[in-house]
Amino acid sequence: VFAEVPMEPATVEESRRLVLHYVDLMTRQPYSLAAMLRLISHKNYLHFHSVAVSVFSALLARSAGKYSEEDILLISWGGFLHDVGAVRMEGDFYCDPLGLATAHEREQLDSHCRLGLEIVQESRNIPKEVGYIVYQHHEAPDGSGRPNRLSRSRIHEPALLVAVVDAWSSLISRSGRREALDPLEALKVLGVAAEQGRIDGDSLLLLRRMLEPSLEARIQKRAAA
């Protein structure tokens, strides 16, 4: 999917089929979440990060209790393609959404959002709702986000949900200059970001409710051993 840009209709359908497979797998086998975490790696960052964001976005959308199954599919599809613009950028792409320390990082955020929107708009087979997520997944509730500094009322709500999952997955992955955080530590970092208005607090609460019980149980099991 990420090698073929622009994407032909058959490739678009393949990405949709993959997303359906991931959503179905997680619905039937929720304990495979642990295996999904192990897939996230530095070497294959873009692929595994995209898969992880797709799956966890679907799980969060379902736990929110307000989205239809079709909406959940679109959110998961948007999560899968959210960084597709990176394939048109030179060099390695590592997005650290909560650590915009350099002008280069800000430029990367702007560029991959705009390029991603161009890619999905080139295909008539990708719904506009997916494009909203691809373009707006780095916008922030406080209006400080990229690339357009949109106010919260102007941000597509599923894009805020995907943004939280994207940030968490990025933090638990090793970047070019930062070691991966422990999943629980990453949730704490996101808690600070939510207090500052940089990510959506409601979506973060859903993520915490989904992850913390299993992560804390794992820690307790290790301590007992």
Protein backbone atom coordinates (compact mmCIF):
# COMPACT_ATOMS: atom_id res chain seq x y z
CA VAL A 1 0.00 0.00 0.00
CA PHE A 2 2.71 2.48 1.01
CA ALA A 3 4.92 1.64 -1.96
CA GLU A 4 2.32 2.52 -4.59
CA VAL A 5 1.68 6.26 -4.76
CA PRO A 6 -0.61 7.38 -6.32
CA MET A 7 -2.73 4.46 -5.23
CA GLU A 8 -4.66 2.60 -7.85
CA PRO A 9 -8.25 1.48 -7.05
CA ALA A 10 -7.07 -2.07 -6.38
CA THR A 11 -4.52 -0.80 -3.87
CA VAL A 12 -7.14 1.31 -2.13
CA GLU A 13 -9.37 -1.74 -1.82
CA GLU A 14 -6.45 -3.73 -0.45
CA SER A 15 -5.90 -1.15 2.29
CA ARG A 16 -9.60 -1.30 3.14
CA ARG A 17 -9.45 -5.09 3.28
CA LEU A 18 -6.43 -4.97 5.59
CA VAL A 19 -8.18 -2.57 7.94
CA LEU A 20 -11.25 -4.79 8.05
CA HIS A 21 -9.01 -7.74 8.87
CA TYR A 22 -7.31 -5.89 11.73
CA VAL A 23 -10.60 -4.70 13.20
CA ASP A 24 -12.07 -8.19 12.97
CA LEU A 25 -8.98 -9.75 14.54
CA MET A 26 -9.04 -7.40 17.51
CA THR A 27 -12.76 -7.93 17.99
CA ARG A 28 -12.35 -11.70 18.12
CA GLN A 29 -8.99 -11.86 19.88
CA PRO A 30 -8.52 -8.85 22.18
CA TYR A 31 -5.51 -10.46 23.86
CA SER A 32 -3.59 -10.04 20.61
CA LEU A 33 -3.11 -6.41 21.72
CA ALA A 34 0.08 -7.55 23.45
CA ALA A 35 1.36 -9.02 20.22
CA MET A 36 0.53 -5.77 18.43
CA LEU A 37 2.74 -3.85 20.87
CA ARG A 38 5.67 -6.14 20.06
CA LEU A 39 5.29 -5.42 16.35
CA ILE A 40 6.15 -1.75 16.79
CA SER A 41 9.82 -1.40 15.96
CA HIS A 42 12.37 1.15 14.82
CA LYS A 43 13.32 -0.76 11.66
CA ASN A 44 9.80 -0.95 10.26
CA TYR A 45 8.42 2.16 11.94
CA LEU A 46 6.05 3.46 9.27
CA HIS A 47 4.40 0.11 8.57
CA PHE A 48 3.93 -1.14 12.11
CA HIS A 49 3.08 2.30 13.47
CA SER A 50 0.34 2.61 10.84
CA VAL A 51 -1.05 -0.82 11.68
CA ALA A 52 -1.00 -0.05 15.40
CA VAL A 53 -2.73 3.31 14.98
CA SER A 54 -5.35 1.70 12.76
CA VAL A 55 -6.16 -1.03 15.27
CA PHE A 56 -6.12 1.05 18.43
CA SER A 57 -8.15 3.82 16.78
CA ALA A 58 -10.84 1.27 15.92
CA LEU A 59 -10.85 -0.01 19.49
CA LEU A 60 -11.15 3.50 20.92
CA ALA A 61 -13.91 4.41 18.48
CA ARG A 62 -15.84 1.30 19.47
CA SER A 63 -15.37 1.95 23.19
CA ALA A 64 -16.64 5.52 22.74
CA GLY A 65 -20.07 4.00 22.04
CA LYS A 66 -21.20 6.69 19.61
CA TYR A 67 -19.85 5.53 16.26
CA SER A 68 -21.50 3.17 13.80
CA GLU A 69 -19.59 0.18 12.44
CA GLU A 70 -19.10 2.07 9.18
CA ASP A 71 -17.72 5.05 11.11
CA ILE A 72 -15.35 2.75 13.00
CA LEU A 73 -14.08 1.35 9.71
CA LEU A 74 -13.47 4.88 8.36
CA ILE A 75 -11.65 5.88 11.56
CA SER A 76 -9.51 2.76 11.39
CA TRP A 77 -8.81 3.38 7.71
CA GLY A 78 -7.81 6.96 8.50
CA GLY A 79 -5.51 5.64 11.21
CA PHE A 80 -3.93 3.22 8.76
CA LEU A 81 -3.24 5.95 6.18
CA HIS A 82 -2.57 8.86 8.56
CA ASP A 83 1.18 9.00 7.80
CA VAL A 84 0.97 7.98 4.13
CA GLY A 85 2.28 11.41 3.12
CA ALA A 86 5.67 10.37 4.50
CA VAL A 87 6.26 8.16 1.45
CA ARG A 88 6.70 11.33 -0.65
CA MET A 89 9.27 12.77 1.74
CA GLU A 90 13.01 12.22 1.50
CA GLY A 91 14.92 10.49 4.28
CA ASP A 92 13.70 8.67 7.35
CA PHE A 93 10.44 9.83 8.87
CA TYR A 94 9.96 9.81 12.63
CA CYS A 95 7.16 11.92 13.95
CA ASP A 96 7.39 13.02 17.57
CA PRO A 97 4.05 14.86 17.88
CA LEU A 98 4.59 16.12 21.43
CA GLY A 99 8.21 17.22 21.01
CA LEU A 100 8.23 19.91 18.36
CA ALA A 101 11.65 21.22 19.31
CA THR A 102 12.96 22.16 15.88
CA ALA A 103 11.75 23.94 12.78
CA HIS A 104 12.57 20.78 10.82
CA GLU A 105 10.14 18.73 12.93
CA ARG A 106 7.40 21.29 12.41
CA GLU A 107 8.10 21.25 8.68
CA GLN A 108 7.85 17.45 8.67
CA LEU A 109 4.47 17.59 10.37
CA ASP A 110 3.10 20.14 7.93
CA SER A 111 4.53 18.38 4.88
CA HIS A 112 3.34 14.85 5.62
CA CYS A 113 -0.18 16.06 6.45
CA ARG A 114 -0.49 18.01 3.21
CA LEU A 115 1.12 15.30 1.10
CA GLY A 116 -1.09 12.68 2.71
CA LEU A 117 -4.20 14.67 1.83
CA GLU A 118 -3.00 14.98 -1.75
CA ILE A 119 -2.51 11.22 -1.97
CA VAL A 120 -5.96 10.28 -0.66
CA GLN A 121 -7.64 12.96 -2.78
CA GLU A 122 -6.04 11.47 -5.87
CA SER A 123 -8.19 8.38 -5.36
CA ARG A 124 -11.95 8.60 -5.74
CA ASN A 125 -12.24 5.35 -3.79
CA ILE A 126 -11.13 6.85 -0.47
CA PRO A 127 -13.96 8.61 1.42
CA LYS A 128 -13.51 12.25 2.38
CA GLU A 129 -13.79 11.33 6.07
CA VAL A 130 -10.50 9.42 5.75
CA GLY A 131 -8.92 12.51 4.19
CA TYR A 132 -10.02 14.66 7.13
CA ILE A 133 -8.19 12.32 9.51
CA VAL A 134 -5.05 12.21 7.36
CA TYR A 135 -4.94 16.02 7.10
CA GLN A 136 -5.94 16.93 10.64
CA HIS A 137 -4.36 14.28 12.88
CA HIS A 138 -1.81 16.80 14.19
CA GLU A 139 -4.31 19.55 14.94
CA ALA A 140 -4.77 20.26 18.66
CA PRO A 141 -7.78 21.23 20.80
CA ASP A 142 -6.01 24.40 22.01
CA GLY A 143 -5.46 25.63 18.43
CA SER A 144 -1.69 25.10 18.48
CA GLY A 145 -1.68 22.13 16.10
CA ARG A 146 -0.37 21.61 12.59
CA PRO A 147 -0.65 22.38 9.77
CA ASN A 148 -3.45 24.96 10.16
CA ARG A 149 -3.80 25.70 13.89
CA LEU A 150 -7.50 24.90 13.74
CA SER A 151 -9.76 25.60 16.70
CA ARG A 152 -11.34 22.56 18.31
CA SER A 153 -14.75 23.21 16.73
CA ARG A 154 -13.19 23.03 13.25
CA ILE A 155 -11.33 19.74 13.78
CA HIS A 156 -12.96 16.52 12.56
CA GLU A 157 -13.66 14.70 15.85
CA PRO A 158 -12.27 11.31 14.74
CA ALA A 159 -9.02 13.09 13.88
CA LEU A 160 -8.67 14.04 17.56
CA LEU A 161 -9.12 10.39 18.51
CA VAL A 162 -6.54 9.19 15.99
CA ALA A 163 -4.17 11.93 17.17
CA VAL A 164 -4.13 10.49 20.70
CA VAL A 165 -3.40 6.98 19.44
CA ASP A 166 -0.75 8.33 17.05
CA ALA A 167 0.98 10.20 19.88
CA TRP A 168 0.93 7.19 22.19
CA SER A 169 2.24 4.82 19.52
CA SER A 170 5.00 7.30 18.64
CA LEU A 171 6.08 7.64 22.26
CA ILE A 172 6.39 3.88 22.77
CA SER A 173 8.45 3.57 19.57
CA ARG A 174 12.13 4.37 19.30
CA SER A 175 12.73 7.53 17.28
CA GLY A 176 15.94 8.71 15.68
CA ARG A 177 17.05 10.53 18.83
CA ARG A 178 14.80 9.20 21.62
CA GLU A 179 14.44 5.82 23.25
CA ALA A 180 10.98 4.30 23.46
CA LEU A 181 8.95 5.02 26.57
CA ASP A 182 7.24 2.36 28.63
CA PRO A 183 3.53 2.27 27.66
CA LEU A 184 2.40 3.45 31.10
CA GLU A 185 4.99 6.23 31.14
CA ALA A 186 3.75 7.29 27.71
CA LEU A 187 0.22 7.59 29.12
CA LYS A 188 1.56 9.89 31.85
CA VAL A 189 3.26 12.09 29.26
CA LEU A 190 0.00 12.28 27.33
CA GLY A 191 -1.80 13.23 30.54
CA VAL A 192 0.34 16.35 30.78
CA ALA A 193 -0.31 17.12 27.11
CA ALA A 194 -4.06 16.77 27.67
CA GLU A 195 -3.92 19.20 30.62
CA GLN A 196 -2.17 21.68 28.34
CA GLY A 197 -4.80 21.24 25.61
CA ARG A 198 -2.45 19.66 23.09
CA ILE A 199 -4.42 16.42 22.79
CA ASP A 200 -8.03 15.44 23.41
CA GLY A 201 -8.63 14.50 27.03
CA ASP A 202 -11.76 12.41 26.36
CA SER A 203 -9.93 10.22 23.86
CA LEU A 204 -7.01 9.83 26.23
CA LEU A 205 -9.40 8.71 28.99
CA LEU A 206 -10.73 6.00 26.67
CA LEU A 207 -7.18 4.87 25.93
CA ARG A 208 -6.31 4.76 29.62
CA ARG A 209 -9.39 2.72 30.48
CA MET A 210 -8.51 0.27 27.75
CA LEU A 211 -4.79 -0.09 28.49
CA GLU A 212 -4.07 0.55 32.14
CA PRO A 213 -5.62 -2.62 33.64
CA SER A 214 -3.63 -4.97 31.42
CA LEU A 215 -0.42 -2.93 31.65
CA GLU A 216 -0.57 -2.70 35.44
CA ALA A 217 -1.32 -6.43 35.67
CA ARG A 218 1.77 -7.12 33.58
CA ILE A 219 3.91 -5.01 35.91
CA GLN A 220 2.57 -6.79 38.98
CA LYS A 221 3.25 -10.17 37.38
CA ARG A 222 6.85 -9.18 36.64
CA ALA A 223 7.32 -7.89 40.20
CA ALA A 224 6.00 -11.15 41.64
CA ALA A 225 8.35 -13.17 39.45
